[in-house]
Amino acid sequence: MTAPLLRTPDEILRAALEKETSARDFYAELAHRCHVDFVKELLLRLQVEEEKHAALIRKALTRLGP
């Protein structure tokens, strides 16, 4: 499978944001279903980290402007 051709900074950042958001949701879903405390805690920490990444990308998109 090949990655889509991303040409502009805007396209690149939007694709990255989609990946980060997807990863955040993935970890959240796994944490919701997990019944082992230390694993659930790790999954929730990973969810938070992915949200931090998404926030950084949103900030960069804002700096790029419309």
N, C-alpha and C. Protein backbone atom coordinates (compact mmCIF):
# COMPACT_ATOMS: atom_id res chain seq x y z
N MET A 1 0.85 -1.18 0.00
CA MET A 1 0.00 0.00 0.00
C MET A 1 0.89 1.24 0.00
N THR A 2 0.61 2.16 -0.88
CA THR A 2 1.42 3.38 -0.96
C THR A 2 0.68 4.53 -0.29
N ALA A 3 1.47 5.44 0.26
CA ALA A 3 0.90 6.62 0.91
C ALA A 3 0.38 7.57 -0.16
N PRO A 4 -0.66 8.32 0.16
CA PRO A 4 -1.16 9.31 -0.79
C PRO A 4 -0.09 10.37 -1.05
N LEU A 5 -0.12 10.94 -2.25
CA LEU A 5 0.84 11.98 -2.59
C LEU A 5 0.42 13.28 -1.91
N LEU A 6 1.19 13.65 -0.92
CA LEU A 6 0.92 14.87 -0.17
C LEU A 6 1.92 15.92 -0.62
N ARG A 7 1.43 17.03 -1.11
CA ARG A 7 2.30 18.02 -1.74
C ARG A 7 2.52 19.28 -0.93
N THR A 8 1.53 19.68 -0.20
CA THR A 8 1.64 20.96 0.50
C THR A 8 1.76 20.73 2.01
N PRO A 9 2.31 21.69 2.72
CA PRO A 9 2.35 21.55 4.18
C PRO A 9 0.97 21.33 4.79
N ASP A 10 -0.03 21.99 4.24
CA ASP A 10 -1.41 21.83 4.72
C ASP A 10 -1.86 20.38 4.55
N GLU A 11 -1.63 19.80 3.38
CA GLU A 11 -2.02 18.41 3.15
C GLU A 11 -1.29 17.45 4.09
N ILE A 12 -0.01 17.70 4.27
CA ILE A 12 0.80 16.85 5.14
C ILE A 12 0.29 16.93 6.58
N LEU A 13 0.06 18.14 7.07
CA LEU A 13 -0.41 18.30 8.45
C LEU A 13 -1.80 17.72 8.65
N ARG A 14 -2.67 17.88 7.68
CA ARG A 14 -4.02 17.32 7.81
C ARG A 14 -3.99 15.80 7.83
N ALA A 15 -3.12 15.20 7.02
CA ALA A 15 -2.98 13.74 7.04
C ALA A 15 -2.41 13.28 8.39
N ALA A 16 -1.44 14.01 8.90
CA ALA A 16 -0.86 13.68 10.20
C ALA A 16 -1.90 13.80 11.31
N LEU A 17 -2.71 14.85 11.24
CA LEU A 17 -3.77 15.05 12.24
C LEU A 17 -4.75 13.89 12.22
N GLU A 18 -5.09 13.43 11.03
CA GLU A 18 -6.01 12.30 10.91
C GLU A 18 -5.41 11.04 11.57
N LYS A 19 -4.12 10.81 11.35
CA LYS A 19 -3.45 9.65 11.95
C LYS A 19 -3.42 9.76 13.48
N GLU A 20 -3.09 10.94 13.98
CA GLU A 20 -3.02 11.14 15.43
C GLU A 20 -4.39 10.96 16.08
N THR A 21 -5.41 11.50 15.45
CA THR A 21 -6.77 11.38 15.96
C THR A 21 -7.23 9.92 15.95
N SER A 22 -6.89 9.22 14.87
CA SER A 22 -7.24 7.81 14.77
C SER A 22 -6.53 7.00 15.86
N ALA A 23 -5.26 7.28 16.08
CA ALA A 23 -4.51 6.58 17.12
C ALA A 23 -5.08 6.88 18.50
N ARG A 24 -5.43 8.15 18.74
CA ARG A 24 -6.04 8.53 20.03
C ARG A 24 -7.31 7.73 20.28
N ASP A 25 -8.16 7.66 19.27
CA ASP A 25 -9.42 6.94 19.40
C ASP A 25 -9.20 5.43 19.58
N PHE A 26 -8.19 4.90 18.90
CA PHE A 26 -7.83 3.50 19.03
C PHE A 26 -7.44 3.17 20.47
N TYR A 27 -6.55 3.97 21.05
CA TYR A 27 -6.13 3.73 22.43
C TYR A 27 -7.29 3.91 23.41
N ALA A 28 -8.13 4.88 23.16
CA ALA A 28 -9.29 5.10 24.04
C ALA A 28 -10.22 3.90 24.02
N GLU A 29 -10.47 3.35 22.85
CA GLU A 29 -11.35 2.19 22.74
C GLU A 29 -10.74 0.98 23.44
N LEU A 30 -9.46 0.75 23.24
CA LEU A 30 -8.81 -0.37 23.90
C LEU A 30 -8.84 -0.20 25.42
N ALA A 31 -8.57 1.02 25.90
CA ALA A 31 -8.60 1.27 27.34
C ALA A 31 -9.99 1.00 27.90
N HIS A 32 -11.00 1.39 27.15
CA HIS A 32 -12.38 1.18 27.60
C HIS A 32 -12.69 -0.31 27.78
N ARG A 33 -12.11 -1.14 26.92
CA ARG A 33 -12.39 -2.57 26.96
C ARG A 33 -11.43 -3.36 27.86
N CYS A 34 -10.36 -2.72 28.30
CA CYS A 34 -9.32 -3.42 29.06
C CYS A 34 -9.70 -3.51 30.55
N HIS A 35 -9.44 -4.67 31.13
CA HIS A 35 -9.76 -4.88 32.55
C HIS A 35 -8.51 -5.10 33.39
N VAL A 36 -7.34 -4.93 32.80
CA VAL A 36 -6.08 -5.07 33.53
C VAL A 36 -5.59 -3.66 33.82
N ASP A 37 -5.55 -3.31 35.09
CA ASP A 37 -5.30 -1.92 35.49
C ASP A 37 -4.04 -1.30 34.89
N PHE A 38 -2.90 -1.99 34.98
CA PHE A 38 -1.68 -1.36 34.49
C PHE A 38 -1.67 -1.22 32.98
N VAL A 39 -2.35 -2.12 32.27
CA VAL A 39 -2.45 -2.00 30.81
C VAL A 39 -3.41 -0.86 30.46
N LYS A 40 -4.52 -0.80 31.17
CA LYS A 40 -5.48 0.28 30.94
C LYS A 40 -4.83 1.64 31.18
N GLU A 41 -4.04 1.75 32.24
CA GLU A 41 -3.34 3.00 32.54
C GLU A 41 -2.38 3.38 31.41
N LEU A 42 -1.65 2.40 30.90
CA LEU A 42 -0.75 2.67 29.78
C LEU A 42 -1.52 3.14 28.55
N LEU A 43 -2.61 2.48 28.23
CA LEU A 43 -3.42 2.86 27.08
C LEU A 43 -3.97 4.28 27.23
N LEU A 44 -4.39 4.63 28.42
CA LEU A 44 -4.90 5.98 28.65
C LEU A 44 -3.78 7.02 28.52
N ARG A 45 -2.57 6.68 28.96
CA ARG A 45 -1.44 7.60 28.78
C ARG A 45 -1.11 7.78 27.31
N LEU A 46 -1.18 6.69 26.56
CA LEU A 46 -0.94 6.78 25.12
C LEU A 46 -2.01 7.63 24.43
N GLN A 47 -3.24 7.50 24.88
CA GLN A 47 -4.33 8.31 24.35
C GLN A 47 -4.03 9.80 24.57
N VAL A 48 -3.60 10.15 25.77
CA VAL A 48 -3.28 11.54 26.09
C VAL A 48 -2.13 12.04 25.22
N GLU A 49 -1.11 11.21 25.02
CA GLU A 49 0.03 11.61 24.19
C GLU A 49 -0.41 11.89 22.75
N GLU A 50 -1.27 11.03 22.22
CA GLU A 50 -1.75 11.24 20.85
C GLU A 50 -2.56 12.55 20.76
N GLU A 51 -3.31 12.87 21.79
CA GLU A 51 -4.06 14.13 21.79
C GLU A 51 -3.11 15.32 21.83
N LYS A 52 -2.00 15.19 22.57
CA LYS A 52 -1.00 16.26 22.58
C LYS A 52 -0.42 16.46 21.19
N HIS A 53 -0.14 15.36 20.51
CA HIS A 53 0.39 15.46 19.15
C HIS A 53 -0.63 16.16 18.24
N ALA A 54 -1.89 15.77 18.38
CA ALA A 54 -2.94 16.38 17.55
C ALA A 54 -3.03 17.88 17.83
N ALA A 55 -2.90 18.27 19.08
CA ALA A 55 -2.96 19.70 19.43
C ALA A 55 -1.80 20.46 18.80
N LEU A 56 -0.62 19.87 18.79
CA LEU A 56 0.53 20.52 18.15
C LEU A 56 0.28 20.71 16.65
N ILE A 57 -0.30 19.71 16.03
CA ILE A 57 -0.58 19.80 14.60
C ILE A 57 -1.65 20.85 14.33
N ARG A 58 -2.69 20.90 15.17
CA ARG A 58 -3.72 21.93 15.01
C ARG A 58 -3.12 23.32 15.12
N LYS A 59 -2.19 23.49 16.05
CA LYS A 59 -1.53 24.78 16.23
C LYS A 59 -0.73 25.14 14.97
N ALA A 60 -0.04 24.17 14.41
CA ALA A 60 0.73 24.40 13.19
C ALA A 60 -0.20 24.77 12.03
N LEU A 61 -1.33 24.10 11.94
CA LEU A 61 -2.31 24.42 10.89
C LEU A 61 -2.82 25.85 11.04
N THR A 62 -3.05 26.27 12.28
CA THR A 62 -3.49 27.63 12.52
C THR A 62 -2.44 28.63 12.07
N ARG A 63 -1.20 28.32 12.33
CA ARG A 63 -0.10 29.21 11.91
C ARG A 63 -0.01 29.31 10.39
N LEU A 64 -0.37 28.23 9.70
CA LEU A 64 -0.34 28.26 8.23
C LEU A 64 -1.42 29.20 7.68
N GLY A 65 -2.50 29.31 8.41
CA GLY A 65 -3.58 30.19 7.98
C GLY A 65 -4.54 29.47 7.04
N PRO A 66 -5.51 30.23 6.52
CA PRO A 66 -6.56 29.64 5.68
C PRO A 66 -6.08 29.07 4.38
